[in-house]
N, C-alpha and C. Protein backbone atom coordinates (compact mmCIF):
# COMPACT_ATOMS: atom_id res chain seq x y z
N MET A 1 0.85 -1.17 0.00
CA MET A 1 0.00 0.00 0.00
C MET A 1 0.90 1.24 0.00
N PRO A 2 0.66 2.18 -0.94
CA PRO A 2 1.52 3.36 -1.03
C PRO A 2 1.31 4.30 0.15
N ASN A 3 2.34 5.02 0.47
CA ASN A 3 2.28 5.98 1.56
C ASN A 3 1.52 7.22 1.09
N VAL A 4 0.40 7.52 1.73
CA VAL A 4 -0.46 8.62 1.32
C VAL A 4 0.16 9.97 1.64
N SER A 5 0.86 10.06 2.73
CA SER A 5 1.43 11.34 3.14
C SER A 5 2.52 11.83 2.19
N SER A 6 3.17 10.93 1.46
CA SER A 6 4.21 11.36 0.53
C SER A 6 3.63 11.97 -0.74
N LYS A 7 2.36 11.73 -1.03
CA LYS A 7 1.72 12.26 -2.23
C LYS A 7 0.76 13.39 -1.90
N ARG A 8 1.13 14.19 -0.95
CA ARG A 8 0.27 15.29 -0.52
C ARG A 8 0.25 16.37 -1.58
N HIS A 9 -0.94 16.86 -1.88
CA HIS A 9 -1.11 17.89 -2.91
C HIS A 9 -0.89 19.27 -2.32
N HIS A 10 -0.06 20.05 -2.96
CA HIS A 10 0.16 21.43 -2.54
C HIS A 10 -0.67 22.34 -3.43
N TRP A 11 -1.36 23.29 -2.82
CA TRP A 11 -2.24 24.17 -3.56
C TRP A 11 -1.43 25.14 -4.42
N THR A 12 -1.85 25.26 -5.65
CA THR A 12 -1.24 26.21 -6.57
C THR A 12 -2.14 27.43 -6.69
N ARG A 13 -1.66 28.40 -7.40
CA ARG A 13 -2.46 29.62 -7.62
C ARG A 13 -3.75 29.26 -8.36
N HIS A 14 -3.66 28.35 -9.29
CA HIS A 14 -4.83 27.91 -10.06
C HIS A 14 -5.89 27.29 -9.13
N ASP A 15 -5.46 26.51 -8.16
CA ASP A 15 -6.40 25.91 -7.20
C ASP A 15 -7.12 26.97 -6.39
N TYR A 16 -6.40 27.99 -5.96
CA TYR A 16 -7.02 29.08 -5.21
C TYR A 16 -8.02 29.85 -6.06
N ILE A 17 -7.67 30.10 -7.31
CA ILE A 17 -8.59 30.82 -8.21
C ILE A 17 -9.86 30.01 -8.42
N LEU A 18 -9.71 28.71 -8.65
CA LEU A 18 -10.90 27.86 -8.83
C LEU A 18 -11.77 27.83 -7.58
N THR A 19 -11.16 27.85 -6.41
CA THR A 19 -11.92 27.87 -5.16
C THR A 19 -12.70 29.17 -5.02
N VAL A 20 -12.08 30.29 -5.35
CA VAL A 20 -12.76 31.58 -5.27
C VAL A 20 -13.91 31.64 -6.27
N VAL A 21 -13.69 31.15 -7.49
CA VAL A 21 -14.75 31.15 -8.50
C VAL A 21 -15.91 30.26 -8.05
N ALA A 22 -15.62 29.11 -7.48
CA ALA A 22 -16.68 28.23 -7.00
C ALA A 22 -17.49 28.89 -5.88
N CYS A 23 -16.81 29.61 -5.00
CA CYS A 23 -17.52 30.33 -3.93
C CYS A 23 -18.40 31.43 -4.51
N LEU A 24 -17.91 32.16 -5.50
CA LEU A 24 -18.70 33.22 -6.12
C LEU A 24 -19.92 32.67 -6.84
N VAL A 25 -19.76 31.53 -7.48
CA VAL A 25 -20.91 30.89 -8.15
C VAL A 25 -21.95 30.48 -7.12
N ASN A 26 -21.51 29.96 -5.99
CA ASN A 26 -22.43 29.58 -4.92
C ASN A 26 -23.16 30.79 -4.36
N ILE A 27 -22.45 31.90 -4.19
CA ILE A 27 -23.08 33.14 -3.70
C ILE A 27 -24.09 33.65 -4.71
N ALA A 28 -23.74 33.62 -5.99
CA ALA A 28 -24.66 34.10 -7.02
C ALA A 28 -25.94 33.27 -7.05
N ASP A 29 -25.81 31.98 -6.82
CA ASP A 29 -26.99 31.13 -6.79
C ASP A 29 -27.88 31.46 -5.60
N ALA A 30 -27.29 31.79 -4.47
CA ALA A 30 -28.06 32.14 -3.29
C ALA A 30 -28.72 33.50 -3.44
N ILE A 31 -28.08 34.42 -4.13
CA ILE A 31 -28.64 35.76 -4.33
C ILE A 31 -29.93 35.68 -5.12
N GLU A 32 -30.01 34.73 -6.03
CA GLU A 32 -31.22 34.58 -6.85
C GLU A 32 -32.45 34.35 -5.98
N VAL A 33 -32.27 33.70 -4.85
CA VAL A 33 -33.38 33.43 -3.95
C VAL A 33 -33.59 34.58 -2.97
N TYR A 34 -32.52 35.22 -2.54
CA TYR A 34 -32.60 36.28 -1.53
C TYR A 34 -33.05 37.61 -2.09
N LEU A 35 -32.59 37.97 -3.27
CA LEU A 35 -32.80 39.30 -3.83
C LEU A 35 -34.27 39.67 -4.06
N PRO A 36 -35.13 38.77 -4.56
CA PRO A 36 -36.53 39.18 -4.75
C PRO A 36 -37.21 39.66 -3.47
N GLY A 37 -36.87 39.11 -2.33
CA GLY A 37 -37.45 39.58 -1.08
C GLY A 37 -37.06 41.01 -0.77
N VAL A 38 -35.81 41.36 -1.04
CA VAL A 38 -35.34 42.73 -0.82
C VAL A 38 -35.98 43.68 -1.82
N VAL A 39 -36.01 43.27 -3.07
CA VAL A 39 -36.62 44.11 -4.12
C VAL A 39 -38.10 44.30 -3.85
N ASN A 40 -38.76 43.25 -3.40
CA ASN A 40 -40.18 43.32 -3.08
C ASN A 40 -40.44 44.37 -2.01
N ARG A 41 -39.61 44.42 -0.99
CA ARG A 41 -39.76 45.39 0.10
C ARG A 41 -39.58 46.82 -0.41
N VAL A 42 -38.57 47.04 -1.24
CA VAL A 42 -38.30 48.38 -1.78
C VAL A 42 -39.45 48.82 -2.69
N ILE A 43 -39.92 47.92 -3.54
CA ILE A 43 -41.02 48.26 -4.45
C ILE A 43 -42.29 48.60 -3.67
N SER A 44 -42.59 47.83 -2.64
CA SER A 44 -43.81 48.08 -1.87
C SER A 44 -43.73 49.42 -1.13
N CYS A 45 -42.56 49.80 -0.66
CA CYS A 45 -42.42 51.10 0.02
C CYS A 45 -42.54 52.25 -0.97
N GLU A 46 -41.92 52.08 -2.13
CA GLU A 46 -41.92 53.17 -3.11
C GLU A 46 -43.29 53.38 -3.75
N LEU A 47 -44.01 52.28 -3.98
CA LEU A 47 -45.32 52.39 -4.63
C LEU A 47 -46.47 52.43 -3.63
N HIS A 48 -46.17 52.45 -2.33
CA HIS A 48 -47.18 52.52 -1.27
C HIS A 48 -48.21 51.39 -1.40
N LEU A 49 -47.70 50.16 -1.48
CA LEU A 49 -48.58 49.00 -1.61
C LEU A 49 -49.04 48.54 -0.23
N ASN A 50 -50.26 48.01 -0.19
CA ASN A 50 -50.72 47.43 1.06
C ASN A 50 -50.15 46.01 1.19
N SER A 51 -50.43 45.36 2.30
CA SER A 51 -49.81 44.05 2.56
C SER A 51 -50.27 42.98 1.57
N LEU A 52 -51.53 43.07 1.11
CA LEU A 52 -52.02 42.09 0.14
C LEU A 52 -51.29 42.24 -1.20
N GLN A 53 -51.14 43.47 -1.66
CA GLN A 53 -50.43 43.70 -2.92
C GLN A 53 -48.96 43.29 -2.80
N GLU A 54 -48.36 43.56 -1.66
CA GLU A 54 -46.96 43.16 -1.45
C GLU A 54 -46.83 41.64 -1.45
N SER A 55 -47.78 40.95 -0.87
CA SER A 55 -47.76 39.48 -0.86
C SER A 55 -47.90 38.92 -2.27
N TRP A 56 -48.84 39.48 -3.04
CA TRP A 56 -49.01 39.03 -4.41
C TRP A 56 -47.77 39.29 -5.26
N LEU A 57 -47.11 40.40 -5.01
CA LEU A 57 -45.89 40.71 -5.74
C LEU A 57 -44.82 39.65 -5.46
N GLY A 58 -44.66 39.26 -4.21
CA GLY A 58 -43.71 38.21 -3.86
C GLY A 58 -44.06 36.87 -4.48
N ILE A 59 -45.35 36.53 -4.43
CA ILE A 59 -45.81 35.27 -5.03
C ILE A 59 -45.53 35.25 -6.52
N ILE A 60 -45.81 36.35 -7.20
CA ILE A 60 -45.60 36.43 -8.64
C ILE A 60 -44.12 36.29 -8.97
N ILE A 61 -43.26 36.94 -8.20
CA ILE A 61 -41.81 36.85 -8.46
C ILE A 61 -41.33 35.41 -8.32
N TYR A 62 -41.68 34.74 -7.23
CA TYR A 62 -41.19 33.38 -7.00
C TYR A 62 -41.83 32.36 -7.93
N LEU A 63 -43.10 32.54 -8.28
CA LEU A 63 -43.72 31.64 -9.26
C LEU A 63 -43.08 31.80 -10.64
N THR A 64 -42.76 33.03 -11.00
CA THR A 64 -42.10 33.26 -12.28
C THR A 64 -40.74 32.58 -12.32
N ILE A 65 -39.99 32.67 -11.23
CA ILE A 65 -38.68 32.01 -11.17
C ILE A 65 -38.85 30.49 -11.27
N ALA A 66 -39.82 29.94 -10.56
CA ALA A 66 -40.03 28.49 -10.57
C ALA A 66 -40.43 27.98 -11.94
N VAL A 67 -41.39 28.64 -12.57
CA VAL A 67 -41.87 28.21 -13.88
C VAL A 67 -40.78 28.38 -14.94
N SER A 68 -40.05 29.49 -14.87
CA SER A 68 -39.00 29.70 -15.87
C SER A 68 -37.86 28.70 -15.72
N ASN A 69 -37.53 28.32 -14.49
CA ASN A 69 -36.49 27.30 -14.30
C ASN A 69 -36.93 25.95 -14.84
N LEU A 70 -38.18 25.58 -14.61
CA LEU A 70 -38.69 24.32 -15.16
C LEU A 70 -38.73 24.36 -16.68
N ALA A 71 -39.21 25.46 -17.24
CA ALA A 71 -39.31 25.57 -18.69
C ALA A 71 -37.93 25.61 -19.34
N ALA A 72 -36.99 26.33 -18.76
CA ALA A 72 -35.65 26.43 -19.34
C ALA A 72 -34.96 25.07 -19.33
N GLY A 73 -35.15 24.31 -18.28
CA GLY A 73 -34.54 22.98 -18.23
C GLY A 73 -35.06 22.06 -19.31
N LYS A 74 -36.38 22.04 -19.47
CA LYS A 74 -36.98 21.19 -20.50
C LYS A 74 -36.61 21.66 -21.91
N LEU A 75 -36.63 22.98 -22.12
CA LEU A 75 -36.29 23.51 -23.44
C LEU A 75 -34.82 23.29 -23.79
N SER A 76 -33.94 23.42 -22.80
CA SER A 76 -32.52 23.22 -23.09
C SER A 76 -32.20 21.76 -23.35
N ASN A 77 -32.99 20.85 -22.82
CA ASN A 77 -32.81 19.44 -23.17
C ASN A 77 -33.25 19.16 -24.60
N ARG A 78 -34.26 19.89 -25.05
CA ARG A 78 -34.78 19.65 -26.40
C ARG A 78 -34.00 20.41 -27.46
N PHE A 79 -33.64 21.66 -27.17
CA PHE A 79 -32.91 22.50 -28.11
C PHE A 79 -31.49 22.72 -27.60
N GLU A 80 -30.72 23.45 -28.38
CA GLU A 80 -29.35 23.75 -27.97
C GLU A 80 -29.37 24.72 -26.79
N ARG A 81 -28.52 24.51 -25.80
CA ARG A 81 -28.50 25.34 -24.60
C ARG A 81 -28.15 26.79 -24.91
N ARG A 82 -27.28 26.98 -25.86
CA ARG A 82 -26.87 28.36 -26.22
C ARG A 82 -28.07 29.16 -26.73
N VAL A 83 -28.91 28.54 -27.52
CA VAL A 83 -30.10 29.21 -28.07
C VAL A 83 -31.03 29.62 -26.94
N ILE A 84 -31.21 28.76 -25.96
CA ILE A 84 -32.10 29.05 -24.84
C ILE A 84 -31.54 30.19 -23.99
N ILE A 85 -30.24 30.21 -23.76
CA ILE A 85 -29.63 31.28 -22.98
C ILE A 85 -29.76 32.62 -23.69
N ILE A 86 -29.51 32.63 -24.99
CA ILE A 86 -29.63 33.88 -25.75
C ILE A 86 -31.08 34.35 -25.79
N ALA A 87 -32.02 33.43 -25.97
CA ALA A 87 -33.44 33.81 -25.95
C ALA A 87 -33.84 34.34 -24.58
N SER A 88 -33.30 33.76 -23.52
CA SER A 88 -33.57 34.24 -22.18
C SER A 88 -33.03 35.65 -21.96
N LEU A 89 -31.85 35.93 -22.49
CA LEU A 89 -31.29 37.27 -22.38
C LEU A 89 -32.13 38.30 -23.13
N TYR A 90 -32.57 37.95 -24.34
CA TYR A 90 -33.43 38.86 -25.10
C TYR A 90 -34.76 39.11 -24.38
N ALA A 91 -35.35 38.05 -23.84
CA ALA A 91 -36.60 38.19 -23.11
C ALA A 91 -36.40 39.06 -21.87
N SER A 92 -35.27 38.91 -21.20
CA SER A 92 -34.98 39.73 -20.03
C SER A 92 -34.86 41.21 -20.40
N VAL A 93 -34.19 41.50 -21.49
CA VAL A 93 -34.05 42.90 -21.94
C VAL A 93 -35.41 43.49 -22.28
N ILE A 94 -36.21 42.74 -23.00
CA ILE A 94 -37.55 43.23 -23.39
C ILE A 94 -38.42 43.46 -22.16
N CYS A 95 -38.40 42.53 -21.22
CA CYS A 95 -39.22 42.68 -20.01
C CYS A 95 -38.72 43.83 -19.14
N ASN A 96 -37.41 44.05 -19.09
CA ASN A 96 -36.89 45.19 -18.33
C ASN A 96 -37.30 46.51 -18.95
N ILE A 97 -37.28 46.60 -20.27
CA ILE A 97 -37.73 47.82 -20.95
C ILE A 97 -39.21 48.05 -20.69
N LEU A 98 -40.02 46.99 -20.79
CA LEU A 98 -41.46 47.13 -20.55
C LEU A 98 -41.75 47.51 -19.10
N SER A 99 -41.00 46.93 -18.16
CA SER A 99 -41.25 47.29 -16.76
C SER A 99 -40.81 48.71 -16.45
N ALA A 100 -39.85 49.24 -17.19
CA ALA A 100 -39.45 50.63 -17.01
C ALA A 100 -40.52 51.60 -17.51
N LEU A 101 -41.36 51.14 -18.44
CA LEU A 101 -42.42 51.98 -18.98
C LEU A 101 -43.68 52.00 -18.12
N VAL A 102 -43.79 51.09 -17.18
CA VAL A 102 -44.96 51.03 -16.31
C VAL A 102 -44.90 52.18 -15.31
N HIS A 103 -46.02 52.92 -15.19
CA HIS A 103 -46.04 54.09 -14.33
C HIS A 103 -46.40 53.77 -12.88
N ASN A 104 -47.28 52.80 -12.67
CA ASN A 104 -47.64 52.44 -11.31
C ASN A 104 -48.03 50.97 -11.25
N TYR A 105 -48.41 50.54 -10.07
CA TYR A 105 -48.68 49.11 -9.83
C TYR A 105 -49.89 48.61 -10.59
N THR A 106 -50.86 49.46 -10.82
CA THR A 106 -52.13 49.00 -11.42
C THR A 106 -52.12 48.96 -12.93
N THR A 107 -51.10 49.47 -13.59
CA THR A 107 -51.10 49.46 -15.07
C THR A 107 -50.42 48.26 -15.62
């Protein structure tokens, strides 16, 4: 049986960079879940929403995330992943422009 201690791996700069990138990816994944709650609070204060409207806003945000994740997974299995990512980016730009044009909560 070979001696395990003699084959000890020493961390290189590349190993440290990969560790930092993996941590940042993990943080970015967690932000996706945390950020809508913060945005929901800011939107409700700025638009003077009551608690029912604020609740519906949160439900809509999380349902949209859930449905889009399910749909993107199924679509990327059927079509090329690059096409789905590019279509998602275009849809995001269009929705952001449309949401910038909305004047208040009821329109």
